[in-house]
Amino acid sequence: MAVDVVDAREAGRYEARVDGAEKIAGIAQYIRTPELIAFVHTEVEPAHEGQGVGGTLVRVSLDAARAEGLRVLAVCPFYTAWLQRHPEYADLLYQSRSSVTD
């Protein structure tokens, strides 16, 4: 099974398709600034769950963030869990530099 992922910037999401199909198998929605990309929601169609579509979405999107020099804010629980299992991407994570405390 081949999973192809494209950045649909006009829609604010990455889209995954399986084996060249026209129908979208999964998405990863984001909010992007010039310095940061926040992944806010990931969804995989039930017919494709457990087949690596979600993981491929995350890996491709994080590789793109690295290539663009963006920091990553993982708001989506799927991204957060994936990143915990893949420490080789930890260098991308956004770290707040604020010194303000409550």
C-alpha atoms as a PDB file:
ATOM      1  CA  MET A   1       0.000   0.000   0.000  1.00  0.00           C
ATOM      2  CA  ALA A   2       1.408   3.381  -1.029  1.00  0.00           C
ATOM      3  CA  VAL A   3       0.396   6.463   0.962  1.00  0.00           C
ATOM      4  CA  ASP A   4       0.873   9.777  -0.836  1.00  0.00           C
ATOM      5  CA  VAL A   5       0.759  12.963   1.238  1.00  0.00           C
ATOM      6  CA  VAL A   6       0.408  16.499  -0.118  1.00  0.00           C
ATOM      7  CA  ASP A   7       0.300  19.868   1.598  1.00  0.00           C
ATOM      8  CA  ALA A   8      -3.029  21.465   0.660  1.00  0.00           C
ATOM      9  CA  ARG A   9      -2.038  24.908   1.961  1.00  0.00           C
ATOM     10  CA  GLU A  10      -5.212  26.582   0.719  1.00  0.00           C
ATOM     11  CA  ALA A  11      -7.172  24.197   2.985  1.00  0.00           C
ATOM     12  CA  GLY A  12      -4.689  24.416   5.871  1.00  0.00           C
ATOM     13  CA  ARG A  13      -4.045  20.692   5.971  1.00  0.00           C
ATOM     14  CA  TYR A  14      -2.004  17.786   4.750  1.00  0.00           C
ATOM     15  CA  GLU A  15      -3.992  15.218   2.793  1.00  0.00           C
ATOM     16  CA  ALA A  16      -3.201  11.522   2.411  1.00  0.00           C
ATOM     17  CA  ARG A  17      -4.390   9.293  -0.382  1.00  0.00           C
ATOM     18  CA  VAL A  18      -3.840   5.548  -0.654  1.00  0.00           C
ATOM     19  CA  ASP A  19      -2.652   3.833  -3.832  1.00  0.00           C
ATOM     20  CA  GLY A  20      -3.366   6.860  -6.023  1.00  0.00           C
ATOM     21  CA  ALA A  21      -7.057   7.009  -5.124  1.00  0.00           C
ATOM     22  CA  GLU A  22      -8.902  10.288  -5.579  1.00  0.00           C
ATOM     23  CA  LYS A  23     -10.663   9.985  -2.213  1.00  0.00           C
ATOM     24  CA  ILE A  24      -8.804  11.399   0.792  1.00  0.00           C
ATOM     25  CA  ALA A  25      -7.852   8.701   3.310  1.00  0.00           C
ATOM     26  CA  GLY A  26      -6.686  11.063   6.040  1.00  0.00           C
ATOM     27  CA  ILE A  27      -5.949  14.665   6.941  1.00  0.00           C
ATOM     28  CA  ALA A  28      -3.779  16.624   9.345  1.00  0.00           C
ATOM     29  CA  GLN A  29      -5.104  20.149   9.901  1.00  0.00           C
ATOM     30  CA  TYR A  30      -2.696  22.905  10.856  1.00  0.00           C
ATOM     31  CA  ILE A  31      -2.294  26.586  11.560  1.00  0.00           C
ATOM     32  CA  ARG A  32       0.885  28.059  10.106  1.00  0.00           C
ATOM     33  CA  THR A  33       2.833  31.222  10.853  1.00  0.00           C
ATOM     34  CA  PRO A  34       6.166  32.236   9.323  1.00  0.00           C
ATOM     35  CA  GLU A  35       7.998  30.549  12.242  1.00  0.00           C
ATOM     36  CA  LEU A  36       5.616  27.905  13.589  1.00  0.00           C
ATOM     37  CA  ILE A  37       3.222  25.200  12.479  1.00  0.00           C
ATOM     38  CA  ALA A  38       0.594  23.993  14.962  1.00  0.00           C
ATOM     39  CA  PHE A  39      -1.002  20.646  14.196  1.00  0.00           C
ATOM     40  CA  VAL A  40      -4.514  20.831  15.593  1.00  0.00           C
ATOM     41  CA  HIS A  41      -6.418  17.810  14.284  1.00  0.00           C
ATOM     42  CA  THR A  42      -5.716  14.516  12.557  1.00  0.00           C
ATOM     43  CA  GLU A  43      -8.365  12.256  11.102  1.00  0.00           C
ATOM     44  CA  VAL A  44      -8.115   8.973   9.187  1.00  0.00           C
ATOM     45  CA  GLU A  45     -11.070   7.396   7.423  1.00  0.00           C
ATOM     46  CA  PRO A  46     -12.254   4.246   9.253  1.00  0.00           C
ATOM     47  CA  ALA A  47     -11.454   2.046   6.232  1.00  0.00           C
ATOM     48  CA  HIS A  48      -7.785   3.082   6.529  1.00  0.00           C
ATOM     49  CA  GLU A  49      -7.282   3.058  10.295  1.00  0.00           C
ATOM     50  CA  GLY A  50      -4.391   0.949  11.518  1.00  0.00           C
ATOM     51  CA  GLN A  51      -2.700   0.927   8.105  1.00  0.00           C
ATOM     52  CA  GLY A  52      -0.055   3.598   8.704  1.00  0.00           C
ATOM     53  CA  VAL A  53      -1.895   6.495   7.093  1.00  0.00           C
ATOM     54  CA  GLY A  54      -1.802   8.647  10.240  1.00  0.00           C
ATOM     55  CA  GLY A  55       1.858   7.927  10.890  1.00  0.00           C
ATOM     56  CA  THR A  56       2.752   8.768   7.304  1.00  0.00           C
ATOM     57  CA  LEU A  57       0.849  12.062   7.582  1.00  0.00           C
ATOM     58  CA  VAL A  58       2.821  12.964  10.700  1.00  0.00           C
ATOM     59  CA  ARG A  59       6.219  11.943   9.327  1.00  0.00           C
ATOM     60  CA  VAL A  60       5.779  13.764   6.000  1.00  0.00           C
ATOM     61  CA  SER A  61       4.446  16.920   7.657  1.00  0.00           C
ATOM     62  CA  LEU A  62       7.246  16.987  10.231  1.00  0.00           C
ATOM     63  CA  ASP A  63       9.891  16.402   7.572  1.00  0.00           C
ATOM     64  CA  ALA A  64       8.405  19.348   5.652  1.00  0.00           C
ATOM     65  CA  ALA A  65       8.456  21.514   8.787  1.00  0.00           C
ATOM     66  CA  ARG A  66      12.121  20.646   9.288  1.00  0.00           C
ATOM     67  CA  ALA A  67      12.924  21.479   5.663  1.00  0.00           C
ATOM     68  CA  GLU A  68      11.157  24.857   6.026  1.00  0.00           C
ATOM     69  CA  GLY A  69      12.823  25.670   9.367  1.00  0.00           C
ATOM     70  CA  LEU A  70       9.506  25.727  11.256  1.00  0.00           C
ATOM     71  CA  ARG A  71       9.003  24.904  14.902  1.00  0.00           C
ATOM     72  CA  VAL A  72       6.172  22.478  15.674  1.00  0.00           C
ATOM     73  CA  LEU A  73       3.387  22.826  18.220  1.00  0.00           C
ATOM     74  CA  ALA A  74       1.573  19.507  18.643  1.00  0.00           C
ATOM     75  CA  VAL A  75      -1.933  20.385  19.822  1.00  0.00           C
ATOM     76  CA  CYS A  76      -3.458  17.236  18.339  1.00  0.00           C
ATOM     77  CA  PRO A  77      -3.235  14.218  20.689  1.00  0.00           C
ATOM     78  CA  PHE A  78      -2.250  11.944  17.788  1.00  0.00           C
ATOM     79  CA  TYR A  79       0.759  14.150  16.983  1.00  0.00           C
ATOM     80  CA  THR A  80       1.696  14.382  20.648  1.00  0.00           C
ATOM     81  CA  ALA A  81       1.653  10.600  21.091  1.00  0.00           C
ATOM     82  CA  TRP A  82       3.528  10.019  17.830  1.00  0.00           C
ATOM     83  CA  LEU A  83       6.234  12.498  18.812  1.00  0.00           C
ATOM     84  CA  GLN A  84       6.672  10.802  22.195  1.00  0.00           C
ATOM     85  CA  ARG A  85       7.413   7.532  20.359  1.00  0.00           C
ATOM     86  CA  HIS A  86       9.814   9.212  17.895  1.00  0.00           C
ATOM     87  CA  PRO A  87      12.365  11.281  19.829  1.00  0.00           C
ATOM     88  CA  GLU A  88      14.345  11.907  16.636  1.00  0.00           C
ATOM     89  CA  TYR A  89      11.824  14.696  15.949  1.00  0.00           C
ATOM     90  CA  ALA A  90      12.079  16.332  19.395  1.00  0.00           C
ATOM     91  CA  ASP A  91      14.313  19.097  18.029  1.00  0.00           C
ATOM     92  CA  LEU A  92      11.340  20.469  16.089  1.00  0.00           C
ATOM     93  CA  LEU A  93       9.144  21.066  19.119  1.00  0.00           C
ATOM     94  CA  TYR A  94       8.242  24.625  19.990  1.00  0.00           C
ATOM     95  CA  GLN A  95       9.559  25.796  23.336  1.00  0.00           C
ATOM     96  CA  SER A  96       8.014  28.889  24.870  1.00  0.00           C
ATOM     97  CA  ARG A  97      10.617  31.541  25.634  1.00  0.00           C
ATOM     98  CA  SER A  98       8.310  33.568  27.849  1.00  0.00           C
ATOM     99  CA  SER A  99       9.577  34.336  31.326  1.00  0.00           C
ATOM    100  CA  VAL A 100       6.157  35.477  32.548  1.00  0.00           C
ATOM    101  CA  THR A 101       4.748  33.408  35.400  1.00  0.00           C
ATOM    102  CA  ASP A 102       1.452  33.497  37.248  1.00  0.00           C
END
